[in-house]
Amino acid sequence: MRIGMDQQQLLQQMQSLNKVAKSGASFASDAGVQNINGTGADFGNLLTRAINSVNDQQMESGRLASQIETGDGGVSLVKAMIASQKAGIAFQATLQVRNKIVSAYQDIMNMPI
């Protein structure tokens, strides 16, 4: 039952991000929706927070995997696998964002003046 709730929450977050991306006016973060041009953080801080979030997910995944490997009770294999998948997806998304940023930078640098 808990897994279904997580999937529903993930779907809702993805739908809200899709709406925000289409509007182009704001960015959704863990704390809610913030206006990039207004009170929100600058791009560097936003990127740093996103990378730190991915790092936290990877650390949690590693911690749960270690607990499974050592046989500590209280951690289910399912929970560890879900954490591992979340960390992997977050890393892949971050990698794609990085690739887009590098591509945009290269496009700008190759523009004639």
PDB file of N, CA and C in Angstrom:
ATOM      1  N   MET A   1       0.820  -1.185   0.000  1.00  0.00           N
ATOM      2  CA  MET A   1       0.000   0.000   0.000  1.00  0.00           C
ATOM      3  C   MET A   1       0.868   1.255   0.000  1.00  0.00           C
ATOM      4  N   ARG A   2       1.940   1.257   0.737  1.00  0.00           N
ATOM      5  CA  ARG A   2       2.825   2.413   0.818  1.00  0.00           C
ATOM      6  C   ARG A   2       3.473   2.708  -0.536  1.00  0.00           C
ATOM      7  N   ILE A   3       3.806   1.666  -1.280  1.00  0.00           N
ATOM      8  CA  ILE A   3       4.441   1.859  -2.581  1.00  0.00           C
ATOM      9  C   ILE A   3       3.481   2.572  -3.521  1.00  0.00           C
ATOM     10  N   GLY A   4       2.206   2.202  -3.516  1.00  0.00           N
ATOM     11  CA  GLY A   4       1.211   2.857  -4.350  1.00  0.00           C
ATOM     12  C   GLY A   4       1.076   4.330  -4.018  1.00  0.00           C
ATOM     13  N   MET A   5       1.142   4.656  -2.749  1.00  0.00           N
ATOM     14  CA  MET A   5       1.060   6.054  -2.338  1.00  0.00           C
ATOM     15  C   MET A   5       2.268   6.829  -2.847  1.00  0.00           C
ATOM     16  N   ASP A   6       3.445   6.236  -2.781  1.00  0.00           N
ATOM     17  CA  ASP A   6       4.644   6.888  -3.285  1.00  0.00           C
ATOM     18  C   ASP A   6       4.535   7.126  -4.787  1.00  0.00           C
ATOM     19  N   GLN A   7       3.988   6.174  -5.499  1.00  0.00           N
ATOM     20  CA  GLN A   7       3.826   6.318  -6.939  1.00  0.00           C
ATOM     21  C   GLN A   7       2.835   7.428  -7.257  1.00  0.00           C
ATOM     22  N   GLN A   8       1.770   7.511  -6.484  1.00  0.00           N
ATOM     23  CA  GLN A   8       0.782   8.563  -6.690  1.00  0.00           C
ATOM     24  C   GLN A   8       1.389   9.932  -6.427  1.00  0.00           C
ATOM     25  N   GLN A   9       2.173  10.047  -5.357  1.00  0.00           N
ATOM     26  CA  GLN A   9       2.831  11.315  -5.048  1.00  0.00           C
ATOM     27  C   GLN A   9       3.823  11.685  -6.139  1.00  0.00           C
ATOM     28  N   LEU A  10       4.570  10.705  -6.629  1.00  0.00           N
ATOM     29  CA  LEU A  10       5.529  10.944  -7.698  1.00  0.00           C
ATOM     30  C   LEU A  10       4.821  11.420  -8.957  1.00  0.00           C
ATOM     31  N   LEU A  11       3.691  10.808  -9.277  1.00  0.00           N
ATOM     32  CA  LEU A  11       2.918  11.204 -10.446  1.00  0.00           C
ATOM     33  C   LEU A  11       2.426  12.638 -10.304  1.00  0.00           C
ATOM     34  N   GLN A  12       1.942  12.992  -9.116  1.00  0.00           N
ATOM     35  CA  GLN A  12       1.472  14.361  -8.880  1.00  0.00           C
ATOM     36  C   GLN A  12       2.616  15.358  -9.007  1.00  0.00           C
ATOM     37  N   GLN A  13       3.785  15.013  -8.477  1.00  0.00           N
ATOM     38  CA  GLN A  13       4.939  15.907  -8.590  1.00  0.00           C
ATOM     39  C   GLN A  13       5.355  16.078 -10.043  1.00  0.00           C
ATOM     40  N   MET A  14       5.339  14.983 -10.795  1.00  0.00           N
ATOM     41  CA  MET A  14       5.716  15.056 -12.204  1.00  0.00           C
ATOM     42  C   MET A  14       4.725  15.925 -12.979  1.00  0.00           C
ATOM     43  N   GLN A  15       3.436  15.798 -12.668  1.00  0.00           N
ATOM     44  CA  GLN A  15       2.431  16.608 -13.348  1.00  0.00           C
ATOM     45  C   GLN A  15       2.600  18.084 -13.016  1.00  0.00           C
ATOM     46  N   SER A  16       2.904  18.386 -11.751  1.00  0.00           N
ATOM     47  CA  SER A  16       3.102  19.795 -11.388  1.00  0.00           C
ATOM     48  C   SER A  16       4.365  20.344 -12.039  1.00  0.00           C
ATOM     49  N   LEU A  17       5.434  19.539 -12.124  1.00  0.00           N
ATOM     50  CA  LEU A  17       6.651  19.976 -12.805  1.00  0.00           C
ATOM     51  C   LEU A  17       6.402  20.210 -14.290  1.00  0.00           C
ATOM     52  N   ASN A  18       5.568  19.366 -14.883  1.00  0.00           N
ATOM     53  CA  ASN A  18       5.229  19.518 -16.289  1.00  0.00           C
ATOM     54  C   ASN A  18       4.499  20.838 -16.524  1.00  0.00           C
ATOM     55  N   LYS A  19       3.549  21.178 -15.640  1.00  0.00           N
ATOM     56  CA  LYS A  19       2.829  22.446 -15.755  1.00  0.00           C
ATOM     57  C   LYS A  19       3.784  23.621 -15.603  1.00  0.00           C
ATOM     58  N   VAL A  20       4.686  23.523 -14.634  1.00  0.00           N
ATOM     59  CA  VAL A  20       5.646  24.598 -14.392  1.00  0.00           C
ATOM     60  C   VAL A  20       6.578  24.740 -15.586  1.00  0.00           C
ATOM     61  N   ALA A  21       7.034  23.624 -16.134  1.00  0.00           N
ATOM     62  CA  ALA A  21       7.951  23.674 -17.271  1.00  0.00           C
ATOM     63  C   ALA A  21       7.280  24.306 -18.487  1.00  0.00           C
ATOM     64  N   LYS A  22       5.995  24.014 -18.684  1.00  0.00           N
ATOM     65  CA  LYS A  22       5.282  24.592 -19.817  1.00  0.00           C
ATOM     66  C   LYS A  22       5.078  26.091 -19.645  1.00  0.00           C
ATOM     67  N   SER A  23       4.874  26.533 -18.405  1.00  0.00           N
ATOM     68  CA  SER A  23       4.667  27.961 -18.175  1.00  0.00           C
ATOM     69  C   SER A  23       5.977  28.723 -18.283  1.00  0.00           C
ATOM     70  N   GLY A  24       7.099  28.089 -17.863  1.00  0.00           N
ATOM     71  CA  GLY A  24       8.411  28.706 -17.939  1.00  0.00           C
ATOM     72  C   GLY A  24       8.632  29.823 -16.942  1.00  0.00           C
ATOM     73  N   ALA A  25       7.698  30.026 -16.018  1.00  0.00           N
ATOM     74  CA  ALA A  25       7.798  31.161 -15.112  1.00  0.00           C
ATOM     75  C   ALA A  25       8.400  30.821 -13.768  1.00  0.00           C
ATOM     76  N   SER A  26       8.346  29.579 -13.354  1.00  0.00           N
ATOM     77  CA  SER A  26       8.809  29.254 -12.011  1.00  0.00           C
ATOM     78  C   SER A  26       9.397  27.864 -11.978  1.00  0.00           C
ATOM     79  N   PHE A  27       9.994  27.516 -10.837  1.00  0.00           N
ATOM     80  CA  PHE A  27      10.637  26.229 -10.649  1.00  0.00           C
ATOM     81  C   PHE A  27      10.086  25.569  -9.408  1.00  0.00           C
ATOM     82  N   ALA A  28       9.762  24.265  -9.475  1.00  0.00           N
ATOM     83  CA  ALA A  28       9.250  23.551  -8.309  1.00  0.00           C
ATOM     84  C   ALA A  28      10.423  22.973  -7.543  1.00  0.00           C
ATOM     85  N   SER A  29      10.435  23.173  -6.255  1.00  0.00           N
ATOM     86  CA  SER A  29      11.485  22.631  -5.409  1.00  0.00           C
ATOM     87  C   SER A  29      10.848  21.860  -4.278  1.00  0.00           C
ATOM     88  N   ASP A  30      11.673  21.282  -3.404  1.00  0.00           N
ATOM     89  CA  ASP A  30      11.158  20.530  -2.270  1.00  0.00           C
ATOM     90  C   ASP A  30      10.292  21.400  -1.373  1.00  0.00           C
ATOM     91  N   ALA A  31      10.601  22.681  -1.268  1.00  0.00           N
ATOM     92  CA  ALA A  31       9.854  23.587  -0.395  1.00  0.00           C
ATOM     93  C   ALA A  31       8.597  24.110  -1.063  1.00  0.00           C
ATOM     94  N   GLY A  32       8.392  23.863  -2.323  1.00  0.00           N
ATOM     95  CA  GLY A  32       7.224  24.370  -3.038  1.00  0.00           C
ATOM     96  C   GLY A  32       7.660  25.027  -4.323  1.00  0.00           C
ATOM     97  N   VAL A  33       6.798  25.871  -4.858  1.00  0.00           N
ATOM     98  CA  VAL A  33       7.090  26.532  -6.116  1.00  0.00           C
ATOM     99  C   VAL A  33       7.655  27.909  -5.816  1.00  0.00           C
ATOM    100  N   GLN A  34       8.802  28.203  -6.411  1.00  0.00           N
ATOM    101  CA  GLN A  34       9.446  29.496  -6.216  1.00  0.00           C
ATOM    102  C   GLN A  34       9.631  30.163  -7.564  1.00  0.00           C
ATOM    103  N   ASN A  35       9.497  31.445  -7.596  1.00  0.00           N
ATOM    104  CA  ASN A  35       9.697  32.221  -8.808  1.00  0.00           C
ATOM    105  C   ASN A  35      11.198  32.426  -9.016  1.00  0.00           C
ATOM    106  N   ILE A  36      11.705  32.063 -10.168  1.00  0.00           N
ATOM    107  CA  ILE A  36      13.136  32.190 -10.435  1.00  0.00           C
ATOM    108  C   ILE A  36      13.538  33.662 -10.472  1.00  0.00           C
ATOM    109  N   ASN A  37      12.717  34.506 -11.070  1.00  0.00           N
ATOM    110  CA  ASN A  37      13.064  35.921 -11.216  1.00  0.00           C
ATOM    111  C   ASN A  37      12.833  36.715  -9.938  1.00  0.00           C
ATOM    112  N   GLY A  38      12.087  36.182  -8.993  1.00  0.00           N
ATOM    113  CA  GLY A  38      11.740  36.939  -7.808  1.00  0.00           C
ATOM    114  C   GLY A  38      12.512  36.493  -6.589  1.00  0.00           C
ATOM    115  N   THR A  39      11.805  35.921  -5.628  1.00  0.00           N
ATOM    116  CA  THR A  39      12.410  35.584  -4.345  1.00  0.00           C
ATOM    117  C   THR A  39      13.188  34.278  -4.364  1.00  0.00           C
ATOM    118  N   GLY A  40      13.161  33.552  -5.438  1.00  0.00           N
ATOM    119  CA  GLY A  40      13.862  32.272  -5.497  1.00  0.00           C
ATOM    120  C   GLY A  40      15.372  32.449  -5.556  1.00  0.00           C
ATOM    121  N   ALA A  41      16.071  31.350  -5.415  1.00  0.00           N
ATOM    122  CA  ALA A  41      17.529  31.374  -5.437  1.00  0.00           C
ATOM    123  C   ALA A  41      18.033  31.532  -6.861  1.00  0.00           C
ATOM    124  N   ASP A  42      19.275  31.942  -7.013  1.00  0.00           N
ATOM    125  CA  ASP A  42      19.841  32.027  -8.343  1.00  0.00           C
ATOM    126  C   ASP A  42      20.139  30.622  -8.861  1.00  0.00           C
ATOM    127  N   PHE A  43      20.502  30.543 -10.118  1.00  0.00           N
ATOM    128  CA  PHE A  43      20.667  29.247 -10.772  1.00  0.00           C
ATOM    129  C   PHE A  43      21.730  28.390 -10.108  1.00  0.00           C
ATOM    130  N   GLY A  44      22.819  28.998  -9.703  1.00  0.00           N
ATOM    131  CA  GLY A  44      23.902  28.247  -9.060  1.00  0.00           C
ATOM    132  C   GLY A  44      23.451  27.584  -7.773  1.00  0.00           C
ATOM    133  N   ASN A  45      22.723  28.332  -6.946  1.00  0.00           N
ATOM    134  CA  ASN A  45      22.213  27.758  -5.697  1.00  0.00           C
ATOM    135  C   ASN A  45      21.185  26.667  -5.975  1.00  0.00           C
ATOM    136  N   LEU A  46      20.373  26.882  -6.987  1.00  0.00           N
ATOM    137  CA  LEU A  46      19.369  25.891  -7.366  1.00  0.00           C
ATOM    138  C   LEU A  46      20.035  24.596  -7.804  1.00  0.00           C
ATOM    139  N   LEU A  47      21.065  24.717  -8.606  1.00  0.00           N
ATOM    140  CA  LEU A  47      21.802  23.548  -9.081  1.00  0.00           C
ATOM    141  C   LEU A  47      22.512  22.847  -7.933  1.00  0.00           C
ATOM    142  N   THR A  48      23.087  23.619  -7.014  1.00  0.00           N
ATOM    143  CA  THR A  48      23.757  23.043  -5.849  1.00  0.00           C
ATOM    144  C   THR A  48      22.780  22.261  -4.979  1.00  0.00           C
ATOM    145  N   ARG A  49      21.597  22.818  -4.762  1.00  0.00           N
ATOM    146  CA  ARG A  49      20.587  22.106  -3.974  1.00  0.00           C
ATOM    147  C   ARG A  49      20.161  20.811  -4.643  1.00  0.00           C
ATOM    148  N   ALA A  50      20.012  20.842  -5.968  1.00  0.00           N
ATOM    149  CA  ALA A  50      19.611  19.638  -6.699  1.00  0.00           C
ATOM    150  C   ALA A  50      20.687  18.563  -6.591  1.00  0.00           C
ATOM    151  N   ILE A  51      21.944  18.949  -6.732  1.00  0.00           N
ATOM    152  CA  ILE A  51      23.042  17.985  -6.637  1.00  0.00           C
ATOM    153  C   ILE A  51      23.146  17.425  -5.228  1.00  0.00           C
ATOM    154  N   ASN A  52      22.965  18.288  -4.230  1.00  0.00           N
ATOM    155  CA  ASN A  52      22.987  17.817  -2.843  1.00  0.00           C
ATOM    156  C   ASN A  52      21.851  16.850  -2.562  1.00  0.00           C
ATOM    157  N   SER A  53      20.703  17.094  -3.161  1.00  0.00           N
ATOM    158  CA  SER A  53      19.566  16.191  -2.991  1.00  0.00           C
ATOM    159  C   SER A  53      19.867  14.818  -3.595  1.00  0.00           C
ATOM    160  N   VAL A  54      20.469  14.806  -4.768  1.00  0.00           N
ATOM    161  CA  VAL A  54      20.858  13.539  -5.401  1.00  0.00           C
ATOM    162  C   VAL A  54      21.896  12.828  -4.537  1.00  0.00           C
ATOM    163  N   ASN A  55      22.847  13.576  -4.008  1.00  0.00           N
ATOM    164  CA  ASN A  55      23.862  12.989  -3.136  1.00  0.00           C
ATOM    165  C   ASN A  55      23.224  12.374  -1.896  1.00  0.00           C
ATOM    166  N   ASP A  56      22.267  13.079  -1.301  1.00  0.00           N
ATOM    167  CA  ASP A  56      21.582  12.550  -0.123  1.00  0.00           C
ATOM    168  C   ASP A  56      20.859  11.242  -0.442  1.00  0.00           C
ATOM    169  N   GLN A  57      20.215  11.196  -1.608  1.00  0.00           N
ATOM    170  CA  GLN A  57      19.523   9.968  -2.009  1.00  0.00           C
ATOM    171  C   GLN A  57      20.509   8.825  -2.204  1.00  0.00           C
ATOM    172  N   GLN A  58      21.656   9.114  -2.793  1.00  0.00           N
ATOM    173  CA  GLN A  58      22.657   8.074  -3.004  1.00  0.00           C
ATOM    174  C   GLN A  58      23.252   7.596  -1.679  1.00  0.00           C
ATOM    175  N   MET A  59      23.460   8.519  -0.752  1.00  0.00           N
ATOM    176  CA  MET A  59      23.985   8.140   0.560  1.00  0.00           C
ATOM    177  C   MET A  59      22.978   7.264   1.308  1.00  0.00           C
ATOM    178  N   GLU A  60      21.709   7.625   1.247  1.00  0.00           N
ATOM    179  CA  GLU A  60      20.665   6.830   1.896  1.00  0.00           C
ATOM    180  C   GLU A  60      20.578   5.440   1.269  1.00  0.00           C
ATOM    181  N   SER A  61      20.679   5.383  -0.046  1.00  0.00           N
ATOM    182  CA  SER A  61      20.652   4.100  -0.738  1.00  0.00           C
ATOM    183  C   SER A  61      21.836   3.232  -0.309  1.00  0.00           C
ATOM    184  N   GLY A  62      23.013   3.832  -0.215  1.00  0.00           N
ATOM    185  CA  GLY A  62      24.195   3.092   0.216  1.00  0.00           C
ATOM    186  C   GLY A  62      24.073   2.601   1.646  1.00  0.00           C
ATOM    187  N   ARG A  63      23.491   3.444   2.500  1.00  0.00           N
ATOM    188  CA  ARG A  63      23.303   3.066   3.900  1.00  0.00           C
ATOM    189  C   ARG A  63      22.346   1.880   4.018  1.00  0.00           C
ATOM    190  N   LEU A  64      21.248   1.929   3.269  1.00  0.00           N
ATOM    191  CA  LEU A  64      20.293   0.816   3.314  1.00  0.00           C
ATOM    192  C   LEU A  64      20.900  -0.456   2.728  1.00  0.00           C
ATOM    193  N   ALA A  65      21.666  -0.322   1.660  1.00  0.00           N
ATOM    194  CA  ALA A  65      22.316  -1.495   1.062  1.00  0.00           C
ATOM    195  C   ALA A  65      23.305  -2.115   2.046  1.00  0.00           C
ATOM    196  N   SER A  66      24.050  -1.274   2.765  1.00  0.00           N
ATOM    197  CA  SER A  66      24.998  -1.779   3.762  1.00  0.00           C
ATOM    198  C   SER A  66      24.282  -2.521   4.876  1.00  0.00           C
ATOM    199  N   GLN A  67      23.143  -1.994   5.289  1.00  0.00           N
ATOM    200  CA  GLN A  67      22.372  -2.667   6.338  1.00  0.00           C
ATOM    201  C   GLN A  67      21.848  -4.017   5.860  1.00  0.00           C
ATOM    202  N   ILE A  68      21.459  -4.101   4.604  1.00  0.00           N
ATOM    203  CA  ILE A  68      21.006  -5.386   4.052  1.00  0.00           C
ATOM    204  C   ILE A  68      22.179  -6.361   4.001  1.00  0.00           C
ATOM    205  N   GLU A  69      23.341  -5.892   3.551  1.00  0.00           N
ATOM    206  CA  GLU A  69      24.516  -6.750   3.420  1.00  0.00           C
ATOM    207  C   GLU A  69      24.997  -7.285   4.762  1.00  0.00           C
ATOM    208  N   THR A  70      24.914  -6.456   5.788  1.00  0.00           N
ATOM    209  CA  THR A  70      25.380  -6.897   7.105  1.00  0.00           C
ATOM    210  C   THR A  70      24.319  -7.659   7.878  1.00  0.00           C
ATOM    211  N   GLY A  71      23.108  -7.706   7.346  1.00  0.00           N
ATOM    212  CA  GLY A  71      22.055  -8.483   8.001  1.00  0.00           C
ATOM    213  C   GLY A  71      21.358  -7.768   9.131  1.00  0.00           C
ATOM    214  N   ASP A  72      21.511  -6.457   9.199  1.00  0.00           N
ATOM    215  CA  ASP A  72      20.806  -5.693  10.222  1.00  0.00           C
ATOM    216  C   ASP A  72      19.300  -5.827  10.012  1.00  0.00           C
ATOM    217  N   GLY A  73      18.592  -6.000  11.096  1.00  0.00           N
ATOM    218  CA  GLY A  73      17.143  -6.094  11.007  1.00  0.00           C
ATOM    219  C   GLY A  73      16.526  -4.719  10.849  1.00  0.00           C
ATOM    220  N   GLY A  74      15.275  -4.698  10.503  1.00  0.00           N
ATOM    221  CA  GLY A  74      14.555  -3.437  10.397  1.00  0.00           C
ATOM    222  C   GLY A  74      14.594  -2.812   9.021  1.00  0.00           C
ATOM    223  N   VAL A  75      15.389  -3.330   8.112  1.00  0.00           N
ATOM    224  CA  VAL A  75      15.439  -2.788   6.760  1.00  0.00           C
ATOM    225  C   VAL A  75      15.034  -3.899   5.805  1.00  0.00           C
ATOM    226  N   SER A  76      13.991  -3.634   5.040  1.00  0.00           N
ATOM    227  CA  SER A  76      13.541  -4.648   4.090  1.00  0.00           C
ATOM    228  C   SER A  76      14.306  -4.503   2.774  1.00  0.00           C
ATOM    229  N   LEU A  77      14.422  -5.582   2.077  1.00  0.00           N
ATOM    230  CA  LEU A  77      15.082  -5.578   0.780  1.00  0.00           C
ATOM    231  C   LEU A  77      14.329  -4.685  -0.194  1.00  0.00           C
ATOM    232  N   VAL A  78      13.007  -4.689  -0.097  1.00  0.00           N
ATOM    233  CA  VAL A  78      12.190  -3.867  -0.989  1.00  0.00           C
ATOM    234  C   VAL A  78      12.507  -2.386  -0.778  1.00  0.00           C
ATOM    235  N   LYS A  79      12.595  -1.958   0.465  1.00  0.00           N
ATOM    236  CA  LYS A  79      12.899  -0.559   0.772  1.00  0.00           C
ATOM    237  C   LYS A  79      14.281  -0.177   0.237  1.00  0.00           C
ATOM    238  N   ALA A  80      15.237  -1.065   0.396  1.00  0.00           N
ATOM    239  CA  ALA A  80      16.587  -0.794  -0.099  1.00  0.00           C
ATOM    240  C   ALA A  80      16.603  -0.707  -1.625  1.00  0.00           C
ATOM    241  N   MET A  81      15.877  -1.580  -2.285  1.00  0.00           N
ATOM    242  CA  MET A  81      15.834  -1.564  -3.750  1.00  0.00           C
ATOM    243  C   MET A  81      15.142  -0.313  -4.265  1.00  0.00           C
ATOM    244  N   ILE A  82      14.063   0.096  -3.596  1.00  0.00           N
ATOM    245  CA  ILE A  82      13.363   1.310  -4.020  1.00  0.00           C
ATOM    246  C   ILE A  82      14.271   2.523  -3.849  1.00  0.00           C
ATOM    247  N   ALA A  83      14.984   2.589  -2.739  1.00  0.00           N
ATOM    248  CA  ALA A  83      15.915   3.693  -2.518  1.00  0.00           C
ATOM    249  C   ALA A  83      17.012   3.691  -3.587  1.00  0.00           C
ATOM    250  N   SER A  84      17.477   2.505  -3.958  1.00  0.00           N
ATOM    251  CA  SER A  84      18.502   2.398  -4.988  1.00  0.00           C
ATOM    252  C   SER A  84      17.978   2.885  -6.341  1.00  0.00           C
ATOM    253  N   GLN A  85      16.760   2.507  -6.676  1.00  0.00           N
ATOM    254  CA  GLN A  85      16.169   2.936  -7.942  1.00  0.00           C
ATOM    255  C   GLN A  85      15.929   4.445  -7.963  1.00  0.00           C
ATOM    256  N   LYS A  86      15.445   4.991  -6.840  1.00  0.00           N
ATOM    257  CA  LYS A  86      15.237   6.438  -6.763  1.00  0.00           C
ATOM    258  C   LYS A  86      16.557   7.180  -6.948  1.00  0.00           C
ATOM    259  N   ALA A  87      17.604   6.695  -6.301  1.00  0.00           N
ATOM    260  CA  ALA A  87      18.917   7.338  -6.424  1.00  0.00           C
ATOM    261  C   ALA A  87      19.424   7.249  -7.864  1.00  0.00           C
ATOM    262  N   GLY A  88      19.226   6.111  -8.493  1.00  0.00           N
ATOM    263  CA  GLY A  88      19.660   5.938  -9.880  1.00  0.00           C
ATOM    264  C   GLY A  88      18.921   6.863 -10.837  1.00  0.00           C
ATOM    265  N   ILE A  89      17.616   6.981 -10.654  1.00  0.00           N
ATOM    266  CA  ILE A  89      16.818   7.849 -11.513  1.00  0.00           C
ATOM    267  C   ILE A  89      17.197   9.309 -11.284  1.00  0.00           C
ATOM    268  N   ALA A  90      17.386   9.690 -10.034  1.00  0.00           N
ATOM    269  CA  ALA A  90      17.783  11.064  -9.730  1.00  0.00           C
ATOM    270  C   ALA A  90      19.139  11.383 -10.357  1.00  0.00           C
ATOM    271  N   PHE A  91      20.071  10.437 -10.298  1.00  0.00           N
ATOM    272  CA  PHE A  91      21.386  10.647 -10.892  1.00  0.00           C
ATOM    273  C   PHE A  91      21.277  10.785 -12.409  1.00  0.00           C
ATOM    274  N   GLN A  92      20.483   9.922 -13.039  1.00  0.00           N
ATOM    275  CA  GLN A  92      20.320   9.999 -14.490  1.00  0.00           C
ATOM    276  C   GLN A  92      19.685  11.323 -14.906  1.00  0.00           C
ATOM    277  N   ALA A  93      18.705  11.790 -14.129  1.00  0.00           N
ATOM    278  CA  ALA A  93      18.076  13.079 -14.439  1.00  0.00           C
ATOM    279  C   ALA A  93      19.086  14.210 -14.308  1.00  0.00           C
ATOM    280  N   THR A  94      19.905  14.165 -13.266  1.00  0.00           N
ATOM    281  CA  THR A  94      20.931  15.184 -13.072  1.00  0.00           C
ATOM    282  C   THR A  94      21.947  15.146 -14.206  1.00  0.00           C
ATOM    283  N   LEU A  95      22.304  13.966 -14.640  1.00  0.00           N
ATOM    284  CA  LEU A  95      23.237  13.813 -15.747  1.00  0.00           C
ATOM    285  C   LEU A  95      22.662  14.419 -17.029  1.00  0.00           C
ATOM    286  N   GLN A  96      21.375  14.214 -17.272  1.00  0.00           N
ATOM    287  CA  GLN A  96      20.745  14.778 -18.464  1.00  0.00           C
ATOM    288  C   GLN A  96      20.691  16.298 -18.394  1.00  0.00           C
ATOM    289  N   VAL A  97      20.421  16.835 -17.207  1.00  0.00           N
ATOM    290  CA  VAL A  97      20.429  18.290 -17.042  1.00  0.00           C
ATOM    291  C   VAL A  97      21.827  18.831 -17.314  1.00  0.00           C
ATOM    292  N   ARG A  98      22.836  18.157 -16.776  1.00  0.00           N
ATOM    293  CA  ARG A  98      24.209  18.580 -17.024  1.00  0.00           C
ATOM    294  C   ARG A  98      24.526  18.570 -18.516  1.00  0.00           C
ATOM    295  N   ASN A  99      24.103  17.523 -19.209  1.00  0.00           N
ATOM    296  CA  ASN A  99      24.354  17.429 -20.644  1.00  0.00           C
ATOM    297  C   ASN A  99      23.686  18.574 -21.399  1.00  0.00           C
ATOM    298  N   LYS A 100      22.471  18.935 -21.000  1.00  0.00           N
ATOM    299  CA  LYS A 100      21.762  20.041 -21.652  1.00  0.00           C
ATOM    300  C   LYS A 100      22.464  21.368 -21.378  1.00  0.00           C
ATOM    301  N   ILE A 101      22.955  21.551 -20.166  1.00  0.00           N
ATOM    302  CA  ILE A 101      23.657  22.785 -19.821  1.00  0.00           C
ATOM    303  C   ILE A 101      24.940  22.908 -20.640  1.00  0.00           C
ATOM    304  N   VAL A 102      25.684  21.819 -20.747  1.00  0.00           N
ATOM    305  CA  VAL A 102      26.924  21.830 -21.531  1.00  0.00           C
ATOM    306  C   VAL A 102      26.615  22.102 -22.996  1.00  0.00           C
ATOM    307  N   SER A 103      25.569  21.484 -23.506  1.00  0.00           N
ATOM    308  CA  SER A 103      25.180  21.704 -24.902  1.00  0.00           C
ATOM    309  C   SER A 103      24.781  23.161 -25.140  1.00  0.00           C
ATOM    310  N   ALA A 104      24.011  23.733 -24.211  1.00  0.00           N
ATOM    311  CA  ALA A 104      23.611  25.135 -24.349  1.00  0.00           C
ATOM    312  C   ALA A 104      24.829  26.044 -24.286  1.00  0.00           C
ATOM    313  N   TYR A 105      25.746  25.759 -23.390  1.00  0.00           N
ATOM    314  CA  TYR A 105      26.978  26.550 -23.282  1.00  0.00           C
ATOM    315  C   TYR A 105      27.774  26.499 -24.585  1.00  0.00           C
ATOM    316  N   GLN A 106      27.893  25.303 -25.154  1.00  0.00           N
ATOM    317  CA  GLN A 106      28.642  25.161 -26.399  1.00  0.00           C
ATOM    318  C   GLN A 106      27.951  25.904 -27.539  1.00  0.00           C
ATOM    319  N   ASP A 107      26.604  25.846 -27.562  1.00  0.00           N
ATOM    320  CA  ASP A 107      25.872  26.584 -28.595  1.00  0.00           C
ATOM    321  C   ASP A 107      26.112  28.080 -28.483  1.00  0.00           C
ATOM    322  N   ILE A 108      26.084  28.580 -27.247  1.00  0.00           N
ATOM    323  CA  ILE A 108      26.301  30.012 -27.039  1.00  0.00           C
ATOM    324  C   ILE A 108      27.719  30.403 -27.431  1.00  0.00           C
ATOM    325  N   MET A 109      28.686  29.589 -27.071  1.00  0.00           N
ATOM    326  CA  MET A 109      30.089  29.896 -27.379  1.00  0.00           C
ATOM    327  C   MET A 109      30.360  29.850 -28.887  1.00  0.00           C
ATOM    328  N   ASN A 110      29.597  29.057 -29.626  1.00  0.00           N
ATOM    329  CA  ASN A 110      29.803  28.927 -31.067  1.00  0.00           C
ATOM    330  C   ASN A 110      29.008  29.961 -31.871  1.00  0.00           C
ATOM    331  N   MET A 111      28.238  30.812 -31.200  1.00  0.00           N
ATOM    332  CA  MET A 111      27.476  31.832 -31.905  1.00  0.00           C
ATOM    333  C   MET A 111      28.407  32.909 -32.453  1.00  0.00           C
ATOM    334  N   PRO A 112      28.151  33.334 -33.675  1.00  0.00           N
ATOM    335  CA  PRO A 112      28.981  34.441 -34.197  1.00  0.00           C
ATOM    336  C   PRO A 112      28.601  35.745 -33.508  1.00  0.00           C
ATOM    337  N   ILE A 113      29.601  36.586 -33.354  1.00  0.00           N
ATOM    338  CA  ILE A 113      29.359  37.887 -32.679  1.00  0.00           C
ATOM    339  C   ILE A 113      29.062  38.947 -33.681  1.00  0.00           C
TER     340      ILE A 113
END
